Amino acid sequence: MGQSIVLIGMPGAGKSTVGVLLAKALGMNFVDTDVLIQVREKNTLQEIMESRGYLALRNIEEQTLLNLALDSIVIATGGSAIYGEQAMDYLASEARIVFINVPLEVLRARIHNYDNRGIARRLDQSFEELYEERYRLYHKYADDEILGDTLSAAEIVDKITQSYSS
């Protein structure tokens, strides 16, 4: 069994893009939990939030993570995965957690649909407030951190694969 890799970080950090490339480079399975949630719930993340609230979306995300088999898989998590302490502890016990760290100003330039992207947050919470709240949690759970603002997805994959094989 190969060690699984879990990608965490803010929306717009590139977790999904990097995840697909990383899984291919390492010959592993890949799952994007945002897509998995949408397929299982038959709703977009935004629709889930609008009908049941952001805390329900976070709970669905945590349950989704807890039900994943962690056998040679790359997981691109939703940005709010780090709120699920039980899920993060489970992931940490079986996988390497990599934080793709992208500065706020770069994320702000990448995210143009903050209000309807399905980001699990309080309605009154600005992107900056969300970033500040999540940043410390990403650091809490990360085994590795990649600064992703000046690197291409392929370069991030190279850094992770070099770290993974050592």
N, C-alpha and C. Protein backbone atom coordinates (compact mmCIF):
# COMPACT_ATOMS: atom_id res chain seq x y z
N MET A 1 0.85 -1.19 0.00
CA MET A 1 0.00 0.00 0.00
C MET A 1 0.89 1.24 0.00
N GLY A 2 0.66 2.12 -0.97
CA GLY A 2 1.39 3.37 -1.00
C GLY A 2 0.73 4.40 -0.10
N GLN A 3 1.52 5.30 0.40
CA GLN A 3 0.95 6.34 1.26
C GLN A 3 0.13 7.30 0.42
N SER A 4 -1.07 7.57 0.86
CA SER A 4 -1.93 8.51 0.17
C SER A 4 -1.46 9.94 0.40
N ILE A 5 -1.92 10.83 -0.47
CA ILE A 5 -1.57 12.25 -0.37
C ILE A 5 -2.86 13.05 -0.39
N VAL A 6 -2.99 13.95 0.56
CA VAL A 6 -4.16 14.81 0.68
C VAL A 6 -3.72 16.24 0.44
N LEU A 7 -4.39 16.90 -0.49
CA LEU A 7 -4.08 18.30 -0.79
C LEU A 7 -5.09 19.20 -0.10
N ILE A 8 -4.58 20.16 0.66
CA ILE A 8 -5.44 21.13 1.33
C ILE A 8 -5.02 22.54 0.91
N GLY A 9 -5.92 23.47 1.06
CA GLY A 9 -5.63 24.86 0.72
C GLY A 9 -6.91 25.59 0.35
N MET A 10 -6.77 26.86 0.15
CA MET A 10 -7.90 27.72 -0.17
C MET A 10 -8.47 27.42 -1.55
N PRO A 11 -9.73 27.78 -1.77
CA PRO A 11 -10.27 27.74 -3.13
C PRO A 11 -9.37 28.59 -4.05
N GLY A 12 -9.05 28.05 -5.21
CA GLY A 12 -8.19 28.78 -6.13
C GLY A 12 -6.72 28.45 -5.99
N ALA A 13 -6.36 27.60 -5.02
CA ALA A 13 -4.96 27.24 -4.82
C ALA A 13 -4.45 26.26 -5.86
N GLY A 14 -5.35 25.55 -6.53
CA GLY A 14 -4.95 24.61 -7.56
C GLY A 14 -4.97 23.15 -7.13
N LYS A 15 -5.67 22.85 -6.06
CA LYS A 15 -5.69 21.48 -5.52
C LYS A 15 -6.19 20.46 -6.55
N SER A 16 -7.28 20.78 -7.23
CA SER A 16 -7.86 19.83 -8.19
C SER A 16 -6.94 19.62 -9.38
N THR A 17 -6.42 20.68 -9.92
CA THR A 17 -5.52 20.58 -11.06
C THR A 17 -4.26 19.80 -10.69
N VAL A 18 -3.65 20.16 -9.59
CA VAL A 18 -2.44 19.47 -9.12
C VAL A 18 -2.75 18.02 -8.80
N GLY A 19 -3.90 17.78 -8.19
CA GLY A 19 -4.26 16.42 -7.79
C GLY A 19 -4.32 15.45 -8.95
N VAL A 20 -4.95 15.85 -10.04
CA VAL A 20 -5.04 14.99 -11.22
C VAL A 20 -3.64 14.67 -11.74
N LEU A 21 -2.81 15.69 -11.88
CA LEU A 21 -1.46 15.50 -12.40
C LEU A 21 -0.60 14.67 -11.46
N LEU A 22 -0.76 14.88 -10.17
CA LEU A 22 0.01 14.15 -9.17
C LEU A 22 -0.37 12.67 -9.17
N ALA A 23 -1.66 12.39 -9.23
CA ALA A 23 -2.11 10.99 -9.26
C ALA A 23 -1.56 10.29 -10.49
N LYS A 24 -1.56 10.97 -11.61
CA LYS A 24 -1.03 10.39 -12.85
C LYS A 24 0.47 10.13 -12.71
N ALA A 25 1.20 11.10 -12.15
CA ALA A 25 2.65 10.97 -12.00
C ALA A 25 3.02 9.82 -11.06
N LEU A 26 2.21 9.59 -10.05
CA LEU A 26 2.53 8.56 -9.06
C LEU A 26 1.81 7.23 -9.31
N GLY A 27 0.95 7.20 -10.34
CA GLY A 27 0.21 5.97 -10.62
C GLY A 27 -0.79 5.63 -9.53
N MET A 28 -1.46 6.66 -9.02
CA MET A 28 -2.41 6.48 -7.93
C MET A 28 -3.81 6.87 -8.39
N ASN A 29 -4.79 6.45 -7.61
CA ASN A 29 -6.16 6.90 -7.85
C ASN A 29 -6.29 8.36 -7.44
N PHE A 30 -7.34 9.01 -7.92
CA PHE A 30 -7.58 10.41 -7.60
C PHE A 30 -9.04 10.63 -7.28
N VAL A 31 -9.29 11.46 -6.28
CA VAL A 31 -10.66 11.88 -5.98
C VAL A 31 -10.64 13.36 -5.61
N ASP A 32 -11.61 14.07 -6.14
CA ASP A 32 -11.85 15.47 -5.79
C ASP A 32 -13.10 15.45 -4.93
N THR A 33 -12.96 15.77 -3.65
CA THR A 33 -14.11 15.62 -2.75
C THR A 33 -15.26 16.56 -3.11
N ASP A 34 -14.96 17.72 -3.68
CA ASP A 34 -16.05 18.61 -4.11
C ASP A 34 -16.92 17.92 -5.16
N VAL A 35 -16.29 17.26 -6.12
CA VAL A 35 -17.03 16.56 -7.17
C VAL A 35 -17.78 15.38 -6.57
N LEU A 36 -17.12 14.63 -5.70
CA LEU A 36 -17.74 13.49 -5.04
C LEU A 36 -19.00 13.91 -4.28
N ILE A 37 -18.92 15.00 -3.56
CA ILE A 37 -20.07 15.52 -2.81
C ILE A 37 -21.20 15.89 -3.76
N GLN A 38 -20.88 16.58 -4.83
CA GLN A 38 -21.92 17.02 -5.77
C GLN A 38 -22.61 15.84 -6.43
N VAL A 39 -21.86 14.80 -6.77
CA VAL A 39 -22.45 13.62 -7.39
C VAL A 39 -23.35 12.90 -6.39
N ARG A 40 -22.85 12.71 -5.18
CA ARG A 40 -23.64 11.99 -4.16
C ARG A 40 -24.89 12.77 -3.75
N GLU A 41 -24.78 14.07 -3.62
CA GLU A 41 -25.90 14.89 -3.15
C GLU A 41 -26.82 15.34 -4.29
N LYS A 42 -26.37 15.13 -5.53
CA LYS A 42 -27.13 15.55 -6.71
C LYS A 42 -27.46 17.04 -6.68
N ASN A 43 -26.52 17.80 -6.16
CA ASN A 43 -26.62 19.26 -6.08
C ASN A 43 -25.22 19.84 -6.16
N THR A 44 -25.13 21.09 -6.60
CA THR A 44 -23.84 21.77 -6.53
C THR A 44 -23.56 22.15 -5.09
N LEU A 45 -22.31 22.48 -4.81
CA LEU A 45 -21.96 22.93 -3.46
C LEU A 45 -22.77 24.16 -3.08
N GLN A 46 -22.93 25.07 -4.03
CA GLN A 46 -23.70 26.30 -3.78
C GLN A 46 -25.16 25.97 -3.45
N GLU A 47 -25.74 25.03 -4.16
CA GLU A 47 -27.13 24.64 -3.90
C GLU A 47 -27.28 24.01 -2.52
N ILE A 48 -26.30 23.21 -2.12
CA ILE A 48 -26.32 22.61 -0.79
C ILE A 48 -26.29 23.71 0.27
N MET A 49 -25.40 24.67 0.07
CA MET A 49 -25.31 25.78 1.04
C MET A 49 -26.60 26.59 1.09
N GLU A 50 -27.16 26.87 -0.06
CA GLU A 50 -28.38 27.69 -0.10
C GLU A 50 -29.57 26.97 0.53
N SER A 51 -29.65 25.65 0.37
CA SER A 51 -30.80 24.92 0.91
C SER A 51 -30.60 24.45 2.35
N ARG A 52 -29.35 24.14 2.72
CA ARG A 52 -29.12 23.57 4.05
C ARG A 52 -28.13 24.34 4.91
N GLY A 53 -27.41 25.28 4.31
CA GLY A 53 -26.47 26.10 5.07
C GLY A 53 -25.04 25.60 4.98
N TYR A 54 -24.11 26.50 5.29
CA TYR A 54 -22.69 26.18 5.15
C TYR A 54 -22.22 25.12 6.14
N LEU A 55 -22.83 25.07 7.32
CA LEU A 55 -22.42 24.06 8.30
C LEU A 55 -22.81 22.66 7.83
N ALA A 56 -23.95 22.55 7.14
CA ALA A 56 -24.36 21.26 6.57
C ALA A 56 -23.35 20.81 5.52
N LEU A 57 -22.91 21.75 4.68
CA LEU A 57 -21.91 21.40 3.67
C LEU A 57 -20.62 20.93 4.33
N ARG A 58 -20.19 21.60 5.37
CA ARG A 58 -18.98 21.17 6.08
C ARG A 58 -19.15 19.78 6.67
N ASN A 59 -20.33 19.49 7.19
CA ASN A 59 -20.59 18.17 7.77
C ASN A 59 -20.58 17.09 6.68
N ILE A 60 -21.20 17.38 5.55
CA ILE A 60 -21.19 16.44 4.42
C ILE A 60 -19.76 16.18 3.98
N GLU A 61 -18.97 17.23 3.92
CA GLU A 61 -17.57 17.08 3.52
C GLU A 61 -16.81 16.20 4.51
N GLU A 62 -17.03 16.42 5.80
CA GLU A 62 -16.33 15.61 6.79
C GLU A 62 -16.74 14.14 6.67
N GLN A 63 -18.02 13.86 6.53
CA GLN A 63 -18.48 12.48 6.40
C GLN A 63 -17.93 11.83 5.13
N THR A 64 -17.84 12.60 4.06
CA THR A 64 -17.28 12.10 2.80
C THR A 64 -15.83 11.69 3.00
N LEU A 65 -15.06 12.53 3.68
CA LEU A 65 -13.65 12.23 3.93
C LEU A 65 -13.50 11.00 4.83
N LEU A 66 -14.33 10.90 5.85
CA LEU A 66 -14.25 9.76 6.77
C LEU A 66 -14.58 8.44 6.09
N ASN A 67 -15.32 8.49 5.00
CA ASN A 67 -15.72 7.27 4.29
C ASN A 67 -14.80 6.90 3.14
N LEU A 68 -13.74 7.66 2.92
CA LEU A 68 -12.80 7.34 1.85
C LEU A 68 -11.81 6.28 2.31
N ALA A 69 -11.54 5.34 1.43
CA ALA A 69 -10.48 4.36 1.69
C ALA A 69 -9.16 5.01 1.30
N LEU A 70 -8.24 5.03 2.22
CA LEU A 70 -6.97 5.74 2.00
C LEU A 70 -5.87 4.78 1.56
N ASP A 71 -6.05 4.20 0.40
CA ASP A 71 -5.08 3.25 -0.13
C ASP A 71 -4.55 3.76 -1.47
N SER A 72 -3.37 4.34 -1.45
CA SER A 72 -2.73 4.84 -2.67
C SER A 72 -3.65 5.76 -3.47
N ILE A 73 -4.06 6.82 -2.84
CA ILE A 73 -4.98 7.75 -3.47
C ILE A 73 -4.51 9.19 -3.24
N VAL A 74 -4.74 10.02 -4.23
CA VAL A 74 -4.52 11.46 -4.09
C VAL A 74 -5.90 12.08 -3.92
N ILE A 75 -6.05 12.88 -2.87
CA ILE A 75 -7.33 13.51 -2.58
C ILE A 75 -7.18 15.02 -2.63
N ALA A 76 -7.97 15.64 -3.51
CA ALA A 76 -8.08 17.10 -3.51
C ALA A 76 -9.30 17.43 -2.67
N THR A 77 -9.07 18.02 -1.51
CA THR A 77 -10.17 18.33 -0.61
C THR A 77 -10.80 19.67 -0.96
N GLY A 78 -12.00 19.87 -0.46
CA GLY A 78 -12.59 21.20 -0.50
C GLY A 78 -11.81 22.07 0.46
N GLY A 79 -11.84 23.37 0.24
CA GLY A 79 -11.08 24.28 1.09
C GLY A 79 -11.46 24.24 2.55
N SER A 80 -12.68 23.76 2.84
CA SER A 80 -13.16 23.76 4.23
C SER A 80 -12.93 22.43 4.94
N ALA A 81 -12.24 21.50 4.32
CA ALA A 81 -12.01 20.19 4.93
C ALA A 81 -11.37 20.31 6.31
N ILE A 82 -10.56 21.35 6.50
CA ILE A 82 -9.79 21.50 7.73
C ILE A 82 -10.68 21.84 8.94
N TYR A 83 -11.96 22.11 8.72
CA TYR A 83 -12.86 22.33 9.85
C TYR A 83 -13.30 21.02 10.49
N GLY A 84 -13.19 19.92 9.77
CA GLY A 84 -13.61 18.62 10.28
C GLY A 84 -12.47 17.95 11.02
N GLU A 85 -12.39 18.18 12.29
CA GLU A 85 -11.26 17.67 13.08
C GLU A 85 -11.15 16.15 13.02
N GLN A 86 -12.27 15.46 13.12
CA GLN A 86 -12.25 14.00 13.08
C GLN A 86 -11.74 13.51 11.72
N ALA A 87 -12.20 14.12 10.66
CA ALA A 87 -11.75 13.74 9.31
C ALA A 87 -10.27 14.05 9.12
N MET A 88 -9.83 15.20 9.59
CA MET A 88 -8.43 15.56 9.43
C MET A 88 -7.52 14.62 10.23
N ASP A 89 -7.96 14.23 11.41
CA ASP A 89 -7.18 13.26 12.19
C ASP A 89 -7.11 11.91 11.45
N TYR A 90 -8.21 11.50 10.85
CA TYR A 90 -8.24 10.26 10.07
C TYR A 90 -7.28 10.37 8.89
N LEU A 91 -7.35 11.47 8.15
CA LEU A 91 -6.47 11.64 7.00
C LEU A 91 -5.00 11.66 7.44
N ALA A 92 -4.72 12.35 8.53
CA ALA A 92 -3.34 12.45 9.03
C ALA A 92 -2.78 11.10 9.46
N SER A 93 -3.66 10.20 9.90
CA SER A 93 -3.19 8.89 10.35
C SER A 93 -2.78 7.98 9.20
N GLU A 94 -3.26 8.27 8.00
CA GLU A 94 -3.05 7.36 6.87
C GLU A 94 -2.44 8.02 5.63
N ALA A 95 -2.24 9.33 5.67
CA ALA A 95 -1.81 10.03 4.46
C ALA A 95 -0.87 11.17 4.80
N ARG A 96 -0.17 11.62 3.79
CA ARG A 96 0.65 12.83 3.90
C ARG A 96 -0.24 14.00 3.47
N ILE A 97 -0.30 15.02 4.30
CA ILE A 97 -1.15 16.18 4.01
C ILE A 97 -0.26 17.32 3.51
N VAL A 98 -0.57 17.80 2.32
CA VAL A 98 0.21 18.85 1.68
C VAL A 98 -0.65 20.10 1.53
N PHE A 99 -0.18 21.19 2.11
CA PHE A 99 -0.84 22.49 2.03
C PHE A 99 -0.28 23.25 0.83
N ILE A 100 -1.13 23.51 -0.15
CA ILE A 100 -0.73 24.36 -1.27
C ILE A 100 -1.06 25.79 -0.84
N ASN A 101 -0.03 26.51 -0.49
CA ASN A 101 -0.16 27.84 0.09
C ASN A 101 -0.01 28.89 -1.01
N VAL A 102 -1.07 29.63 -1.21
CA VAL A 102 -1.08 30.70 -2.20
C VAL A 102 -1.49 31.98 -1.46
N PRO A 103 -0.74 33.07 -1.62
CA PRO A 103 -1.06 34.31 -0.91
C PRO A 103 -2.45 34.85 -1.26
N LEU A 104 -3.01 35.56 -0.31
CA LEU A 104 -4.35 36.12 -0.45
C LEU A 104 -4.52 36.92 -1.73
N GLU A 105 -3.58 37.78 -2.04
CA GLU A 105 -3.75 38.64 -3.22
C GLU A 105 -3.79 37.84 -4.52
N VAL A 106 -3.07 36.73 -4.57
CA VAL A 106 -3.09 35.88 -5.76
C VAL A 106 -4.43 35.13 -5.84
N LEU A 107 -4.88 34.61 -4.71
CA LEU A 107 -6.18 33.94 -4.66
C LEU A 107 -7.30 34.88 -5.08
N ARG A 108 -7.22 36.10 -4.59
CA ARG A 108 -8.25 37.11 -4.90
C ARG A 108 -8.32 37.34 -6.41
N ALA A 109 -7.18 37.33 -7.07
CA ALA A 109 -7.16 37.52 -8.52
C ALA A 109 -7.71 36.29 -9.25
N ARG A 110 -7.58 35.12 -8.65
CA ARG A 110 -8.05 33.88 -9.28
C ARG A 110 -9.54 33.62 -9.06
N ILE A 111 -10.08 34.06 -7.93
CA ILE A 111 -11.46 33.78 -7.56
C ILE A 111 -12.34 34.97 -7.95
N HIS A 112 -13.13 34.78 -8.97
CA HIS A 112 -14.01 35.86 -9.43
C HIS A 112 -15.46 35.62 -9.04
N ASN A 113 -15.77 34.42 -8.55
CA ASN A 113 -17.15 34.07 -8.24
C ASN A 113 -17.31 33.69 -6.77
N TYR A 114 -16.72 34.46 -5.89
CA TYR A 114 -16.72 34.16 -4.45
C TYR A 114 -18.12 33.95 -3.91
N ASP A 115 -19.06 34.78 -4.32
CA ASP A 115 -20.41 34.72 -3.76
C ASP A 115 -21.23 33.53 -4.21
N ASN A 116 -20.87 32.90 -5.33
CA ASN A 116 -21.67 31.76 -5.79
C ASN A 116 -20.83 30.54 -6.17
N ARG A 117 -19.64 30.43 -5.62
CA ARG A 117 -18.75 29.31 -5.94
C ARG A 117 -19.01 28.09 -5.06
N GLY A 118 -19.80 28.21 -4.03
CA GLY A 118 -20.03 27.09 -3.14
C GLY A 118 -18.96 26.96 -2.07
N ILE A 119 -18.44 28.09 -1.63
CA ILE A 119 -17.41 28.11 -0.59
C ILE A 119 -18.11 28.11 0.77
N ALA A 120 -17.83 27.09 1.58
CA ALA A 120 -18.49 26.92 2.88
C ALA A 120 -18.01 28.00 3.84
N ARG A 121 -18.87 28.99 4.04
CA ARG A 121 -18.52 30.14 4.88
C ARG A 121 -19.79 30.83 5.35
N ARG A 122 -19.63 31.65 6.38
CA ARG A 122 -20.75 32.48 6.83
C ARG A 122 -21.08 33.49 5.72
N LEU A 123 -22.33 33.82 5.59
CA LEU A 123 -22.75 34.75 4.54
C LEU A 123 -22.10 36.12 4.67
N ASP A 124 -21.82 36.53 5.91
CA ASP A 124 -21.24 37.86 6.13
C ASP A 124 -19.71 37.85 6.11
N GLN A 125 -19.12 36.72 5.78
CA GLN A 125 -17.67 36.57 5.87
C GLN A 125 -16.99 36.94 4.55
N SER A 126 -16.08 37.88 4.63
CA SER A 126 -15.33 38.29 3.44
C SER A 126 -14.29 37.23 3.10
N PHE A 127 -13.79 37.28 1.89
CA PHE A 127 -12.75 36.35 1.47
C PHE A 127 -11.51 36.51 2.34
N GLU A 128 -11.19 37.74 2.69
CA GLU A 128 -10.02 38.01 3.54
C GLU A 128 -10.20 37.40 4.92
N GLU A 129 -11.40 37.54 5.50
CA GLU A 129 -11.68 36.96 6.82
C GLU A 129 -11.60 35.43 6.77
N LEU A 130 -12.14 34.87 5.70
CA LEU A 130 -12.10 33.42 5.53
C LEU A 130 -10.66 32.93 5.43
N TYR A 131 -9.86 33.63 4.66
CA TYR A 131 -8.44 33.29 4.49
C TYR A 131 -7.74 33.28 5.85
N GLU A 132 -7.93 34.34 6.61
CA GLU A 132 -7.28 34.43 7.93
C GLU A 132 -7.71 33.29 8.84
N GLU A 133 -8.99 32.97 8.83
CA GLU A 133 -9.52 31.91 9.69
C GLU A 133 -8.95 30.55 9.30
N ARG A 134 -8.86 30.29 8.01
CA ARG A 134 -8.42 28.98 7.54
C ARG A 134 -6.91 28.80 7.55
N TYR A 135 -6.18 29.87 7.37
CA TYR A 135 -4.73 29.79 7.22
C TYR A 135 -4.07 29.03 8.37
N ARG A 136 -4.44 29.35 9.59
CA ARG A 136 -3.83 28.68 10.75
C ARG A 136 -4.21 27.20 10.81
N LEU A 137 -5.42 26.86 10.34
CA LEU A 137 -5.84 25.46 10.33
C LEU A 137 -5.09 24.66 9.28
N TYR A 138 -4.83 25.28 8.13
CA TYR A 138 -4.02 24.59 7.11
C TYR A 138 -2.65 24.26 7.69
N HIS A 139 -2.06 25.21 8.38
CA HIS A 139 -0.74 24.97 8.99
C HIS A 139 -0.81 23.92 10.09
N LYS A 140 -1.88 23.89 10.82
CA LYS A 140 -2.04 22.92 11.90
C LYS A 140 -1.95 21.48 11.37
N TYR A 141 -2.57 21.24 10.23
CA TYR A 141 -2.68 19.87 9.73
C TYR A 141 -1.63 19.48 8.69
N ALA A 142 -0.93 20.43 8.13
CA ALA A 142 -0.02 20.13 7.01
C ALA A 142 1.25 19.41 7.47
N ASP A 143 1.59 18.35 6.74
CA ASP A 143 2.89 17.70 6.90
C ASP A 143 3.92 18.44 6.06
N ASP A 144 3.48 18.90 4.90
CA ASP A 144 4.34 19.63 3.97
C ASP A 144 3.59 20.86 3.48
N GLU A 145 4.36 21.85 3.07
CA GLU A 145 3.78 23.07 2.53
C GLU A 145 4.51 23.44 1.24
N ILE A 146 3.74 23.72 0.21
CA ILE A 146 4.29 24.15 -1.07
C ILE A 146 3.79 25.55 -1.33
N LEU A 147 4.69 26.48 -1.59
CA LEU A 147 4.28 27.83 -1.96
C LEU A 147 3.90 27.79 -3.44
N GLY A 148 2.61 27.94 -3.70
CA GLY A 148 2.09 27.70 -5.03
C GLY A 148 1.81 28.91 -5.87
N ASP A 149 2.24 30.08 -5.45
CA ASP A 149 1.87 31.28 -6.21
C ASP A 149 2.76 31.53 -7.43
N THR A 150 4.00 31.08 -7.41
CA THR A 150 4.89 31.34 -8.54
C THR A 150 5.23 30.06 -9.32
N LEU A 151 4.64 28.94 -8.92
CA LEU A 151 4.92 27.67 -9.58
C LEU A 151 3.75 27.24 -10.45
N SER A 152 4.06 26.56 -11.55
CA SER A 152 2.99 25.96 -12.36
C SER A 152 2.51 24.70 -11.64
N ALA A 153 1.38 24.18 -12.09
CA ALA A 153 0.87 22.93 -11.52
C ALA A 153 1.90 21.82 -11.67
N ALA A 154 2.55 21.75 -12.82
CA ALA A 154 3.57 20.71 -13.05
C ALA A 154 4.74 20.87 -12.09
N GLU A 155 5.14 22.09 -11.80
CA GLU A 155 6.24 22.31 -10.85
C GLU A 155 5.84 21.93 -9.43
N ILE A 156 4.59 22.18 -9.07
CA ILE A 156 4.11 21.78 -7.75
C ILE A 156 4.12 20.26 -7.66
N VAL A 157 3.66 19.59 -8.71
CA VAL A 157 3.68 18.12 -8.75
C VAL A 157 5.11 17.62 -8.58
N ASP A 158 6.06 18.23 -9.29
CA ASP A 158 7.46 17.81 -9.16
C ASP A 158 7.95 17.93 -7.72
N LYS A 159 7.63 19.03 -7.07
CA LYS A 159 8.06 19.23 -5.67
C LYS A 159 7.45 18.16 -4.76
N ILE A 160 6.18 17.87 -4.96
CA ILE A 160 5.52 16.87 -4.11
C ILE A 160 6.09 15.47 -4.39
N THR A 161 6.30 15.13 -5.65
CA THR A 161 6.81 13.79 -5.96
C THR A 161 8.24 13.62 -5.43
N GLN A 162 9.04 14.67 -5.48
CA GLN A 162 10.39 14.60 -4.91
C GLN A 162 10.32 14.37 -3.40
N SER A 163 9.43 15.06 -2.74
CA SER A 163 9.25 14.90 -1.30
C SER A 163 8.67 13.53 -0.97
N TYR A 164 7.76 13.06 -1.79
CA TYR A 164 7.07 11.79 -1.57
C TYR A 164 8.03 10.61 -1.67
N SER A 165 8.96 10.70 -2.62
CA SER A 165 9.88 9.58 -2.83
C SER A 165 11.06 9.58 -1.87
N SER A 166 11.21 10.64 -1.08
CA SER A 166 12.36 10.69 -0.16
C SER A 166 12.02 10.18 1.22
